[in-house]
Amino acid sequence: MSNTVNRLKVKDFITIGVFFVIYFVVLFAVGMIGIVPILFLVYPFTAALVLGTVVMLFMAKVGKPWALFILGMLTPTIMFAMGHTYIVPLISLIFIGFAEFIFRKGQFKSFKHNAFAYATFSCWSATSIMQILLVKDRYVALMQKTGMQPDYIAKMEELVSVPVMALVVVGAFIGGLIGALIGKVMLKKHFEKAGIV
């Protein structure tokens, strides 16, 4: 396929915008479980599971270079602009960049590649929790600024460790794979139309 045909067009950016709004709203709704510290740790898994259908449909509709990358980096960029530390966009860039690479390797038409791309993509949501490990003081200050109670902050500090963080990332990846499979079942006609096998 030529570069001209495969280039993002105005309608693709509109589609990215529409899907971003859906993605962000659902992500925020799922994130409400984070009011309970222990549930905040399963938030990346839950988000990946719930949003699988949305992102897999997006990949079926906009199978072009940079589409997935742009969709993925919008939320961490907004989070950074709203006060989160540089950890969120920086590590998200790694996960989402690799997801874009996998998406392209499958030439946008391979369900296996798309599923693994989405699973990798989903790991970005763990970066919010990573801040507790990597820039603890700055993240605690952020939580205090947003009105989090001292008991909540103390519990999060107690819960998050390197092994736990590894499990959170693995959980997000597994949630992404399951979410992709659910998406395949729910979006069978869309996948067939897009030639995804």
N, C-alpha and C. Protein backbone atom coordinates (compact mmCIF):
# COMPACT_ATOMS: atom_id res chain seq x y z
N MET A 1 0.85 -1.20 0.00
CA MET A 1 0.00 0.00 0.00
C MET A 1 0.88 1.24 0.00
N SER A 2 0.55 2.22 -0.80
CA SER A 2 1.39 3.41 -0.92
C SER A 2 1.30 4.27 0.32
N ASN A 3 2.33 5.11 0.51
CA ASN A 3 2.36 6.00 1.65
C ASN A 3 1.21 7.00 1.62
N THR A 4 0.82 7.41 0.39
CA THR A 4 -0.27 8.37 0.25
C THR A 4 -1.58 7.78 0.75
N VAL A 5 -1.87 6.55 0.35
CA VAL A 5 -3.10 5.88 0.76
C VAL A 5 -3.09 5.63 2.27
N ASN A 6 -1.92 5.31 2.81
CA ASN A 6 -1.80 4.92 4.21
C ASN A 6 -1.63 6.10 5.16
N ARG A 7 -1.63 7.30 4.62
CA ARG A 7 -1.41 8.49 5.45
C ARG A 7 -2.70 8.88 6.17
N LEU A 8 -2.56 9.37 7.40
CA LEU A 8 -3.73 9.85 8.14
C LEU A 8 -4.34 11.07 7.45
N LYS A 9 -5.66 11.04 7.32
CA LYS A 9 -6.38 12.15 6.69
C LYS A 9 -7.26 12.83 7.74
N VAL A 10 -7.91 13.91 7.31
CA VAL A 10 -8.75 14.68 8.24
C VAL A 10 -9.79 13.80 8.91
N LYS A 11 -10.45 12.94 8.12
CA LYS A 11 -11.50 12.08 8.69
C LYS A 11 -10.91 11.11 9.71
N ASP A 12 -9.64 10.71 9.53
CA ASP A 12 -8.99 9.83 10.49
C ASP A 12 -8.76 10.55 11.81
N PHE A 13 -8.36 11.81 11.74
CA PHE A 13 -8.15 12.59 12.96
C PHE A 13 -9.47 12.82 13.69
N ILE A 14 -10.55 12.98 12.92
CA ILE A 14 -11.87 13.12 13.53
C ILE A 14 -12.24 11.82 14.25
N THR A 15 -11.97 10.69 13.60
CA THR A 15 -12.23 9.39 14.21
C THR A 15 -11.40 9.21 15.47
N ILE A 16 -10.14 9.61 15.42
CA ILE A 16 -9.28 9.54 16.60
C ILE A 16 -9.89 10.36 17.74
N GLY A 17 -10.37 11.55 17.41
CA GLY A 17 -10.98 12.41 18.42
C GLY A 17 -12.21 11.80 19.05
N VAL A 18 -13.07 11.22 18.22
CA VAL A 18 -14.30 10.59 18.72
C VAL A 18 -13.96 9.41 19.63
N PHE A 19 -13.06 8.56 19.18
CA PHE A 19 -12.68 7.39 19.99
C PHE A 19 -11.95 7.80 21.26
N PHE A 20 -11.19 8.88 21.18
CA PHE A 20 -10.50 9.36 22.38
C PHE A 20 -11.51 9.78 23.45
N VAL A 21 -12.55 10.48 23.04
CA VAL A 21 -13.57 10.91 24.01
C VAL A 21 -14.22 9.70 24.67
N ILE A 22 -14.57 8.70 23.85
CA ILE A 22 -15.17 7.47 24.39
C ILE A 22 -14.19 6.79 25.34
N TYR A 23 -12.95 6.65 24.89
CA TYR A 23 -11.90 5.99 25.69
C TYR A 23 -11.71 6.72 27.02
N PHE A 24 -11.61 8.03 26.97
CA PHE A 24 -11.34 8.82 28.17
C PHE A 24 -12.49 8.73 29.17
N VAL A 25 -13.72 8.82 28.68
CA VAL A 25 -14.89 8.76 29.56
C VAL A 25 -14.99 7.41 30.25
N VAL A 26 -14.81 6.33 29.48
CA VAL A 26 -14.88 4.98 30.06
C VAL A 26 -13.72 4.77 31.03
N LEU A 27 -12.54 5.23 30.66
CA LEU A 27 -11.36 5.11 31.53
C LEU A 27 -11.61 5.83 32.86
N PHE A 28 -12.17 7.02 32.79
CA PHE A 28 -12.47 7.79 34.00
C PHE A 28 -13.49 7.06 34.87
N ALA A 29 -14.53 6.50 34.22
CA ALA A 29 -15.57 5.78 34.96
C ALA A 29 -14.99 4.56 35.67
N VAL A 30 -14.17 3.80 34.95
CA VAL A 30 -13.53 2.62 35.55
C VAL A 30 -12.59 3.05 36.68
N GLY A 31 -11.93 4.19 36.49
CA GLY A 31 -10.98 4.69 37.48
C GLY A 31 -11.62 5.01 38.82
N MET A 32 -12.94 5.13 38.86
CA MET A 32 -13.63 5.42 40.12
C MET A 32 -13.44 4.31 41.14
N ILE A 33 -13.11 3.10 40.68
CA ILE A 33 -12.87 2.01 41.64
C ILE A 33 -11.62 2.31 42.48
N GLY A 34 -10.81 3.25 42.00
CA GLY A 34 -9.57 3.59 42.70
C GLY A 34 -9.77 4.32 44.01
N ILE A 35 -11.02 4.65 44.36
CA ILE A 35 -11.27 5.28 45.65
C ILE A 35 -10.96 4.31 46.79
N VAL A 36 -10.92 3.02 46.46
CA VAL A 36 -10.48 2.00 47.42
C VAL A 36 -9.05 1.62 47.05
N PRO A 37 -8.07 1.85 47.93
CA PRO A 37 -6.66 1.64 47.57
C PRO A 37 -6.34 0.29 46.92
N ILE A 38 -6.84 -0.79 47.48
CA ILE A 38 -6.51 -2.12 46.94
C ILE A 38 -7.08 -2.28 45.53
N LEU A 39 -8.23 -1.65 45.27
CA LEU A 39 -8.84 -1.75 43.95
C LEU A 39 -8.12 -0.90 42.91
N PHE A 40 -7.40 0.12 43.39
CA PHE A 40 -6.61 0.95 42.48
C PHE A 40 -5.56 0.11 41.77
N LEU A 41 -5.12 -0.95 42.44
CA LEU A 41 -4.09 -1.83 41.85
C LEU A 41 -4.65 -2.70 40.73
N VAL A 42 -5.96 -2.96 40.75
CA VAL A 42 -6.56 -3.77 39.68
C VAL A 42 -7.20 -2.89 38.60
N TYR A 43 -7.11 -1.59 38.80
CA TYR A 43 -7.67 -0.65 37.82
C TYR A 43 -7.08 -0.84 36.42
N PRO A 44 -5.75 -0.97 36.25
CA PRO A 44 -5.22 -1.18 34.89
C PRO A 44 -5.76 -2.44 34.22
N PHE A 45 -5.90 -3.52 34.99
CA PHE A 45 -6.47 -4.76 34.44
C PHE A 45 -7.92 -4.53 34.01
N THR A 46 -8.70 -3.92 34.90
CA THR A 46 -10.12 -3.68 34.62
C THR A 46 -10.31 -2.76 33.42
N ALA A 47 -9.52 -1.70 33.37
CA ALA A 47 -9.62 -0.75 32.25
C ALA A 47 -9.29 -1.43 30.93
N ALA A 48 -8.23 -2.25 30.93
CA ALA A 48 -7.83 -2.96 29.71
C ALA A 48 -8.92 -3.92 29.26
N LEU A 49 -9.54 -4.58 30.22
CA LEU A 49 -10.61 -5.54 29.92
C LEU A 49 -11.82 -4.83 29.32
N VAL A 50 -12.25 -3.76 29.95
CA VAL A 50 -13.46 -3.04 29.54
C VAL A 50 -13.27 -2.31 28.21
N LEU A 51 -12.08 -1.75 28.01
CA LEU A 51 -11.84 -0.92 26.82
C LEU A 51 -11.36 -1.70 25.60
N GLY A 52 -11.22 -3.00 25.73
CA GLY A 52 -10.76 -3.82 24.61
C GLY A 52 -11.60 -3.66 23.36
N THR A 53 -12.91 -3.68 23.53
CA THR A 53 -13.82 -3.56 22.39
C THR A 53 -13.65 -2.21 21.70
N VAL A 54 -13.50 -1.15 22.50
CA VAL A 54 -13.37 0.20 21.95
C VAL A 54 -12.10 0.34 21.12
N VAL A 55 -10.97 -0.08 21.68
CA VAL A 55 -9.69 0.11 20.98
C VAL A 55 -9.55 -0.86 19.80
N MET A 56 -10.05 -2.08 19.94
CA MET A 56 -9.98 -3.02 18.82
C MET A 56 -10.83 -2.52 17.65
N LEU A 57 -11.98 -1.92 17.96
CA LEU A 57 -12.81 -1.34 16.90
C LEU A 57 -12.08 -0.17 16.25
N PHE A 58 -11.42 0.64 17.07
CA PHE A 58 -10.64 1.76 16.54
C PHE A 58 -9.57 1.27 15.57
N MET A 59 -8.85 0.22 15.96
CA MET A 59 -7.79 -0.31 15.10
C MET A 59 -8.35 -0.87 13.80
N ALA A 60 -9.56 -1.42 13.87
CA ALA A 60 -10.19 -1.94 12.66
C ALA A 60 -10.60 -0.80 11.72
N LYS A 61 -11.00 0.33 12.30
CA LYS A 61 -11.46 1.46 11.50
C LYS A 61 -10.33 2.33 10.97
N VAL A 62 -9.28 2.49 11.78
CA VAL A 62 -8.16 3.36 11.38
C VAL A 62 -6.86 2.55 11.42
N GLY A 63 -6.72 1.66 10.46
CA GLY A 63 -5.51 0.84 10.36
C GLY A 63 -4.42 1.55 9.60
N LYS A 64 -3.86 2.58 10.22
CA LYS A 64 -2.83 3.39 9.57
C LYS A 64 -1.72 3.72 10.56
N PRO A 65 -0.51 4.00 10.05
CA PRO A 65 0.59 4.39 10.94
C PRO A 65 0.23 5.61 11.79
N TRP A 66 0.62 5.57 13.04
CA TRP A 66 0.50 6.65 14.02
C TRP A 66 -0.89 6.79 14.63
N ALA A 67 -1.89 6.12 14.09
CA ALA A 67 -3.25 6.27 14.63
C ALA A 67 -3.31 5.79 16.08
N LEU A 68 -2.84 4.58 16.32
CA LEU A 68 -2.87 4.01 17.67
C LEU A 68 -1.98 4.82 18.62
N PHE A 69 -0.84 5.25 18.12
CA PHE A 69 0.10 6.03 18.93
C PHE A 69 -0.53 7.34 19.40
N ILE A 70 -1.19 8.03 18.48
CA ILE A 70 -1.82 9.31 18.82
C ILE A 70 -2.94 9.10 19.84
N LEU A 71 -3.79 8.10 19.58
CA LEU A 71 -4.88 7.81 20.51
C LEU A 71 -4.32 7.51 21.91
N GLY A 72 -3.27 6.71 21.94
CA GLY A 72 -2.71 6.30 23.22
C GLY A 72 -2.04 7.40 24.00
N MET A 73 -1.36 8.31 23.32
CA MET A 73 -0.59 9.34 24.02
C MET A 73 -1.43 10.54 24.46
N LEU A 74 -2.65 10.65 23.98
CA LEU A 74 -3.48 11.79 24.36
C LEU A 74 -3.76 11.83 25.86
N THR A 75 -4.18 10.70 26.43
CA THR A 75 -4.53 10.69 27.85
C THR A 75 -3.33 10.96 28.76
N PRO A 76 -2.19 10.25 28.59
CA PRO A 76 -1.05 10.57 29.45
C PRO A 76 -0.56 12.00 29.30
N THR A 77 -0.67 12.56 28.11
CA THR A 77 -0.27 13.95 27.91
C THR A 77 -1.18 14.90 28.68
N ILE A 78 -2.48 14.62 28.65
CA ILE A 78 -3.44 15.43 29.40
C ILE A 78 -3.20 15.28 30.90
N MET A 79 -2.92 14.06 31.35
CA MET A 79 -2.64 13.83 32.77
C MET A 79 -1.42 14.63 33.22
N PHE A 80 -0.40 14.66 32.38
CA PHE A 80 0.80 15.44 32.70
C PHE A 80 0.46 16.92 32.79
N ALA A 81 -0.35 17.39 31.85
CA ALA A 81 -0.75 18.80 31.85
C ALA A 81 -1.58 19.16 33.08
N MET A 82 -2.26 18.15 33.64
CA MET A 82 -3.12 18.38 34.81
C MET A 82 -2.38 18.20 36.13
N GLY A 83 -1.08 17.91 36.06
CA GLY A 83 -0.31 17.86 37.31
C GLY A 83 0.40 16.58 37.62
N HIS A 84 0.13 15.51 36.88
CA HIS A 84 0.87 14.27 37.12
C HIS A 84 2.33 14.47 36.72
N THR A 85 3.20 13.62 37.23
CA THR A 85 4.63 13.77 36.98
C THR A 85 5.00 13.30 35.57
N TYR A 86 6.23 13.59 35.19
CA TYR A 86 6.74 13.22 33.87
C TYR A 86 6.78 11.71 33.67
N ILE A 87 6.70 10.95 34.76
CA ILE A 87 6.72 9.48 34.67
C ILE A 87 5.59 8.98 33.78
N VAL A 88 4.42 9.59 33.89
CA VAL A 88 3.25 9.13 33.13
C VAL A 88 3.47 9.21 31.62
N PRO A 89 3.78 10.39 31.05
CA PRO A 89 3.99 10.42 29.59
C PRO A 89 5.26 9.71 29.14
N LEU A 90 6.31 9.73 29.97
CA LEU A 90 7.58 9.13 29.56
C LEU A 90 7.48 7.62 29.41
N ILE A 91 6.95 6.95 30.43
CA ILE A 91 6.85 5.49 30.36
C ILE A 91 5.71 5.07 29.44
N SER A 92 4.67 5.89 29.36
CA SER A 92 3.59 5.62 28.40
C SER A 92 4.13 5.63 26.98
N LEU A 93 5.06 6.53 26.72
CA LEU A 93 5.68 6.63 25.40
C LEU A 93 6.34 5.30 25.00
N ILE A 94 6.94 4.62 25.97
CA ILE A 94 7.60 3.34 25.71
C ILE A 94 6.56 2.27 25.38
N PHE A 95 5.56 2.13 26.25
CA PHE A 95 4.52 1.11 26.03
C PHE A 95 3.76 1.36 24.72
N ILE A 96 3.34 2.59 24.52
CA ILE A 96 2.51 2.90 23.35
C ILE A 96 3.33 2.89 22.07
N GLY A 97 4.59 3.30 22.17
CA GLY A 97 5.48 3.22 21.01
C GLY A 97 5.69 1.78 20.57
N PHE A 98 5.86 0.88 21.54
CA PHE A 98 6.03 -0.54 21.22
C PHE A 98 4.73 -1.12 20.67
N ALA A 99 3.60 -0.67 21.21
CA ALA A 99 2.30 -1.12 20.70
C ALA A 99 2.12 -0.71 19.24
N GLU A 100 2.53 0.50 18.92
CA GLU A 100 2.47 0.99 17.53
C GLU A 100 3.33 0.12 16.62
N PHE A 101 4.51 -0.26 17.11
CA PHE A 101 5.42 -1.11 16.35
C PHE A 101 4.77 -2.47 16.04
N ILE A 102 4.14 -3.07 17.05
CA ILE A 102 3.48 -4.37 16.87
C ILE A 102 2.31 -4.23 15.89
N PHE A 103 1.55 -3.17 16.03
CA PHE A 103 0.41 -2.89 15.15
C PHE A 103 0.87 -2.84 13.69
N ARG A 104 1.98 -2.17 13.45
CA ARG A 104 2.52 -2.07 12.09
C ARG A 104 3.06 -3.40 11.59
N LYS A 105 3.68 -4.17 12.48
CA LYS A 105 4.26 -5.46 12.08
C LYS A 105 3.19 -6.38 11.50
N GLY A 106 1.98 -6.26 12.00
CA GLY A 106 0.88 -7.07 11.48
C GLY A 106 0.20 -6.43 10.29
N GLN A 107 0.78 -5.33 9.81
CA GLN A 107 0.24 -4.58 8.66
C GLN A 107 -1.22 -4.19 8.89
N PHE A 108 -1.58 -4.01 10.16
CA PHE A 108 -2.90 -3.52 10.58
C PHE A 108 -4.04 -4.51 10.30
N LYS A 109 -3.71 -5.70 9.81
CA LYS A 109 -4.75 -6.66 9.40
C LYS A 109 -4.67 -7.99 10.16
N SER A 110 -3.74 -8.10 11.08
CA SER A 110 -3.57 -9.35 11.82
C SER A 110 -4.20 -9.23 13.21
N PHE A 111 -5.18 -10.08 13.49
CA PHE A 111 -5.80 -10.02 14.81
C PHE A 111 -4.78 -10.30 15.90
N LYS A 112 -3.90 -11.27 15.67
CA LYS A 112 -2.89 -11.61 16.68
C LYS A 112 -2.02 -10.40 17.01
N HIS A 113 -1.53 -9.73 15.98
CA HIS A 113 -0.70 -8.54 16.20
C HIS A 113 -1.51 -7.42 16.86
N ASN A 114 -2.74 -7.24 16.41
CA ASN A 114 -3.58 -6.19 16.98
C ASN A 114 -3.87 -6.45 18.46
N ALA A 115 -4.11 -7.73 18.78
CA ALA A 115 -4.38 -8.09 20.18
C ALA A 115 -3.17 -7.83 21.07
N PHE A 116 -1.99 -8.23 20.59
CA PHE A 116 -0.77 -8.00 21.38
C PHE A 116 -0.43 -6.51 21.43
N ALA A 117 -0.74 -5.80 20.35
CA ALA A 117 -0.53 -4.35 20.35
C ALA A 117 -1.42 -3.69 21.40
N TYR A 118 -2.68 -4.12 21.46
CA TYR A 118 -3.59 -3.54 22.45
C TYR A 118 -3.17 -3.90 23.87
N ALA A 119 -2.74 -5.14 24.07
CA ALA A 119 -2.30 -5.57 25.41
C ALA A 119 -1.12 -4.73 25.88
N THR A 120 -0.18 -4.48 24.97
CA THR A 120 0.98 -3.64 25.29
C THR A 120 0.55 -2.20 25.54
N PHE A 121 -0.31 -1.70 24.68
CA PHE A 121 -0.90 -0.36 24.80
C PHE A 121 -1.52 -0.17 26.18
N SER A 122 -2.22 -1.19 26.66
CA SER A 122 -2.96 -1.10 27.92
C SER A 122 -2.07 -0.91 29.14
N CYS A 123 -0.81 -1.28 29.02
CA CYS A 123 0.10 -1.19 30.16
C CYS A 123 0.39 0.25 30.57
N TRP A 124 0.09 1.20 29.69
CA TRP A 124 0.37 2.60 30.02
C TRP A 124 -0.39 3.03 31.27
N SER A 125 -1.59 2.46 31.48
CA SER A 125 -2.42 2.90 32.61
C SER A 125 -1.78 2.59 33.96
N ALA A 126 -0.79 1.70 33.97
CA ALA A 126 -0.08 1.40 35.22
C ALA A 126 0.89 2.51 35.61
N THR A 127 1.15 3.43 34.70
CA THR A 127 2.14 4.48 34.98
C THR A 127 1.70 5.41 36.10
N SER A 128 0.40 5.55 36.28
CA SER A 128 -0.10 6.39 37.37
C SER A 128 0.37 5.84 38.72
N ILE A 129 0.32 4.51 38.85
CA ILE A 129 0.75 3.86 40.09
C ILE A 129 2.27 3.87 40.20
N MET A 130 2.96 3.77 39.06
CA MET A 130 4.42 3.77 39.07
C MET A 130 5.01 5.02 39.72
N GLN A 131 4.26 6.09 39.68
CA GLN A 131 4.74 7.34 40.27
C GLN A 131 5.05 7.17 41.76
N ILE A 132 4.29 6.30 42.42
CA ILE A 132 4.49 6.07 43.85
C ILE A 132 5.87 5.48 44.11
N LEU A 133 6.33 4.65 43.19
CA LEU A 133 7.66 4.03 43.33
C LEU A 133 8.78 4.95 42.87
N LEU A 134 8.58 5.62 41.75
CA LEU A 134 9.67 6.32 41.08
C LEU A 134 9.84 7.78 41.50
N VAL A 135 8.75 8.45 41.82
CA VAL A 135 8.83 9.85 42.27
C VAL A 135 7.85 10.03 43.43
N LYS A 136 8.09 9.28 44.47
CA LYS A 136 7.15 9.19 45.60
C LYS A 136 6.77 10.55 46.19
N ASP A 137 7.77 11.36 46.51
CA ASP A 137 7.50 12.64 47.17
C ASP A 137 6.61 13.55 46.32
N ARG A 138 6.92 13.59 45.02
CA ARG A 138 6.14 14.44 44.12
C ARG A 138 4.71 13.91 43.97
N TYR A 139 4.58 12.58 43.94
CA TYR A 139 3.25 12.00 43.78
C TYR A 139 2.42 12.18 45.05
N VAL A 140 3.05 12.02 46.20
CA VAL A 140 2.35 12.24 47.47
C VAL A 140 1.87 13.69 47.55
N ALA A 141 2.72 14.62 47.12
CA ALA A 141 2.35 16.04 47.10
C ALA A 141 1.15 16.27 46.18
N LEU A 142 1.14 15.57 45.04
CA LEU A 142 0.02 15.68 44.10
C LEU A 142 -1.27 15.17 44.72
N MET A 143 -1.19 14.01 45.40
CA MET A 143 -2.38 13.43 46.03
C MET A 143 -2.90 14.35 47.14
N GLN A 144 -1.98 14.94 47.89
CA GLN A 144 -2.39 15.87 48.95
C GLN A 144 -3.08 17.10 48.35
N LYS A 145 -2.53 17.56 47.24
CA LYS A 145 -3.08 18.75 46.57
C LYS A 145 -4.49 18.49 46.05
N THR A 146 -4.74 17.25 45.61
CA THR A 146 -6.06 16.91 45.07
C THR A 146 -7.05 16.48 46.15
N GLY A 147 -6.63 16.58 47.41
CA GLY A 147 -7.54 16.34 48.52
C GLY A 147 -7.63 14.91 49.02
N MET A 148 -6.68 14.06 48.62
CA MET A 148 -6.68 12.69 49.12
C MET A 148 -6.41 12.67 50.62
N GLN A 149 -7.11 11.80 51.33
CA GLN A 149 -6.94 11.70 52.77
C GLN A 149 -5.60 11.05 53.13
N PRO A 150 -5.00 11.45 54.25
CA PRO A 150 -3.71 10.88 54.67
C PRO A 150 -3.74 9.35 54.79
N ASP A 151 -4.87 8.80 55.25
CA ASP A 151 -4.98 7.34 55.39
C ASP A 151 -4.89 6.65 54.04
N TYR A 152 -5.52 7.26 53.03
CA TYR A 152 -5.49 6.70 51.67
C TYR A 152 -4.06 6.72 51.13
N ILE A 153 -3.39 7.84 51.30
CA ILE A 153 -2.01 7.99 50.81
C ILE A 153 -1.09 6.98 51.49
N ALA A 154 -1.24 6.85 52.81
CA ALA A 154 -0.40 5.91 53.57
C ALA A 154 -0.64 4.47 53.11
N LYS A 155 -1.90 4.14 52.83
CA LYS A 155 -2.23 2.78 52.39
C LYS A 155 -1.63 2.50 51.02
N MET A 156 -1.67 3.47 50.12
CA MET A 156 -1.08 3.29 48.79
C MET A 156 0.43 3.09 48.89
N GLU A 157 1.08 3.86 49.75
CA GLU A 157 2.52 3.70 49.95
C GLU A 157 2.85 2.32 50.49
N GLU A 158 1.98 1.82 51.34
CA GLU A 158 2.18 0.50 51.94
C GLU A 158 1.98 -0.62 50.91
N LEU A 159 1.00 -0.44 50.03
CA LEU A 159 0.64 -1.49 49.07
C LEU A 159 1.62 -1.61 47.91
N VAL A 160 2.15 -0.49 47.44
CA VAL A 160 2.92 -0.50 46.20
C VAL A 160 4.40 -0.81 46.45
N SER A 161 4.85 -1.88 45.80
CA SER A 161 6.26 -2.29 45.85
C SER A 161 6.65 -2.72 44.45
N VAL A 162 7.92 -3.02 44.24
CA VAL A 162 8.37 -3.44 42.91
C VAL A 162 7.66 -4.72 42.45
N PRO A 163 7.59 -5.78 43.30
CA PRO A 163 6.87 -6.99 42.86
C PRO A 163 5.39 -6.72 42.56
N VAL A 164 4.75 -5.91 43.40
CA VAL A 164 3.34 -5.58 43.18
C VAL A 164 3.17 -4.81 41.88
N MET A 165 4.09 -3.87 41.63
CA MET A 165 4.03 -3.08 40.40
C MET A 165 4.18 -3.97 39.17
N ALA A 166 5.05 -4.96 39.26
CA ALA A 166 5.23 -5.90 38.16
C ALA A 166 3.93 -6.66 37.89
N LEU A 167 3.25 -7.06 38.96
CA LEU A 167 1.98 -7.77 38.82
C LEU A 167 0.91 -6.86 38.21
N VAL A 168 0.94 -5.59 38.56
CA VAL A 168 -0.03 -4.63 38.00
C VAL A 168 0.16 -4.51 36.49
N VAL A 169 1.42 -4.43 36.05
CA VAL A 169 1.71 -4.31 34.61
C VAL A 169 1.31 -5.59 33.88
N VAL A 170 1.67 -6.74 34.46
CA VAL A 170 1.29 -8.02 33.85
C VAL A 170 -0.24 -8.14 33.80
N GLY A 171 -0.89 -7.69 34.86
CA GLY A 171 -2.35 -7.72 34.90
C GLY A 171 -2.97 -6.88 33.79
N ALA A 172 -2.39 -5.71 33.56
CA ALA A 172 -2.88 -4.84 32.48
C ALA A 172 -2.72 -5.53 31.13
N PHE A 173 -1.58 -6.20 30.94
CA PHE A 173 -1.31 -6.90 29.68
C PHE A 173 -2.31 -8.04 29.47
N ILE A 174 -2.52 -8.83 30.52
CA ILE A 174 -3.47 -9.95 30.43
C ILE A 174 -4.89 -9.43 30.21
N GLY A 175 -5.24 -8.36 30.92
CA GLY A 175 -6.55 -7.75 30.72
C GLY A 175 -6.74 -7.28 29.29
N GLY A 176 -5.64 -6.77 28.70
CA GLY A 176 -5.69 -6.34 27.30
C GLY A 176 -5.93 -7.49 26.35
N LEU A 177 -5.27 -8.61 26.59
CA LEU A 177 -5.47 -9.79 25.73
C LEU A 177 -6.90 -10.29 25.82
N ILE A 178 -7.42 -10.38 27.05
CA ILE A 178 -8.80 -10.84 27.23
C ILE A 178 -9.78 -9.84 26.60
N GLY A 179 -9.50 -8.55 26.81
CA GLY A 179 -10.35 -7.51 26.23
C GLY A 179 -10.36 -7.56 24.72
N ALA A 180 -9.20 -7.88 24.12
CA ALA A 180 -9.11 -8.00 22.66
C ALA A 180 -9.95 -9.18 22.17
N LEU A 181 -9.92 -10.28 22.91
CA LEU A 181 -10.70 -11.46 22.53
C LEU A 181 -12.20 -11.17 22.64
N ILE A 182 -12.58 -10.46 23.69
CA ILE A 182 -13.99 -10.07 23.84
C ILE A 182 -14.39 -9.17 22.67
N GLY A 183 -13.49 -8.25 22.32
CA GLY A 183 -13.74 -7.36 21.19
C GLY A 183 -13.92 -8.13 19.89
N LYS A 184 -13.13 -9.17 19.72
CA LYS A 184 -13.23 -9.98 18.49
C LYS A 184 -14.60 -10.63 18.38
N VAL A 185 -15.10 -11.13 19.50
CA VAL A 185 -16.41 -11.78 19.50
C VAL A 185 -17.52 -10.75 19.22
N MET A 186 -17.42 -9.60 19.87
CA MET A 186 -18.47 -8.58 19.74
C MET A 186 -18.43 -7.84 18.40
N LEU A 187 -17.24 -7.80 17.79
CA LEU A 187 -17.06 -7.00 16.58
C LEU A 187 -16.74 -7.85 15.35
N LYS A 188 -17.22 -9.07 15.34
CA LYS A 188 -16.88 -10.00 14.26
C LYS A 188 -17.15 -9.41 12.87
N LYS A 189 -18.30 -8.79 12.69
CA LYS A 189 -18.66 -8.23 11.37
C LYS A 189 -17.73 -7.09 10.98
N HIS A 190 -17.37 -6.25 11.95
CA HIS A 190 -16.46 -5.14 11.67
C HIS A 190 -15.08 -5.65 11.27
N PHE A 191 -14.63 -6.70 11.95
CA PHE A 191 -13.32 -7.28 11.65
C PHE A 191 -13.31 -7.89 10.25
N GLU A 192 -14.39 -8.58 9.91
CA GLU A 192 -14.48 -9.21 8.59
C GLU A 192 -14.48 -8.14 7.50
N LYS A 193 -15.20 -7.05 7.74
CA LYS A 193 -15.26 -5.96 6.77
C LYS A 193 -13.90 -5.31 6.58
N ALA A 194 -13.13 -5.21 7.68
CA ALA A 194 -11.80 -4.58 7.62
C ALA A 194 -10.73 -5.56 7.16
N GLY A 195 -11.11 -6.83 6.98
CA GLY A 195 -10.14 -7.83 6.51
C GLY A 195 -9.18 -8.29 7.59
N ILE A 196 -9.58 -8.16 8.86
CA ILE A 196 -8.71 -8.57 9.97
C ILE A 196 -8.98 -10.03 10.29
N VAL A 197 -7.90 -10.82 10.28
CA VAL A 197 -8.03 -12.26 10.54
C VAL A 197 -7.07 -12.69 11.63
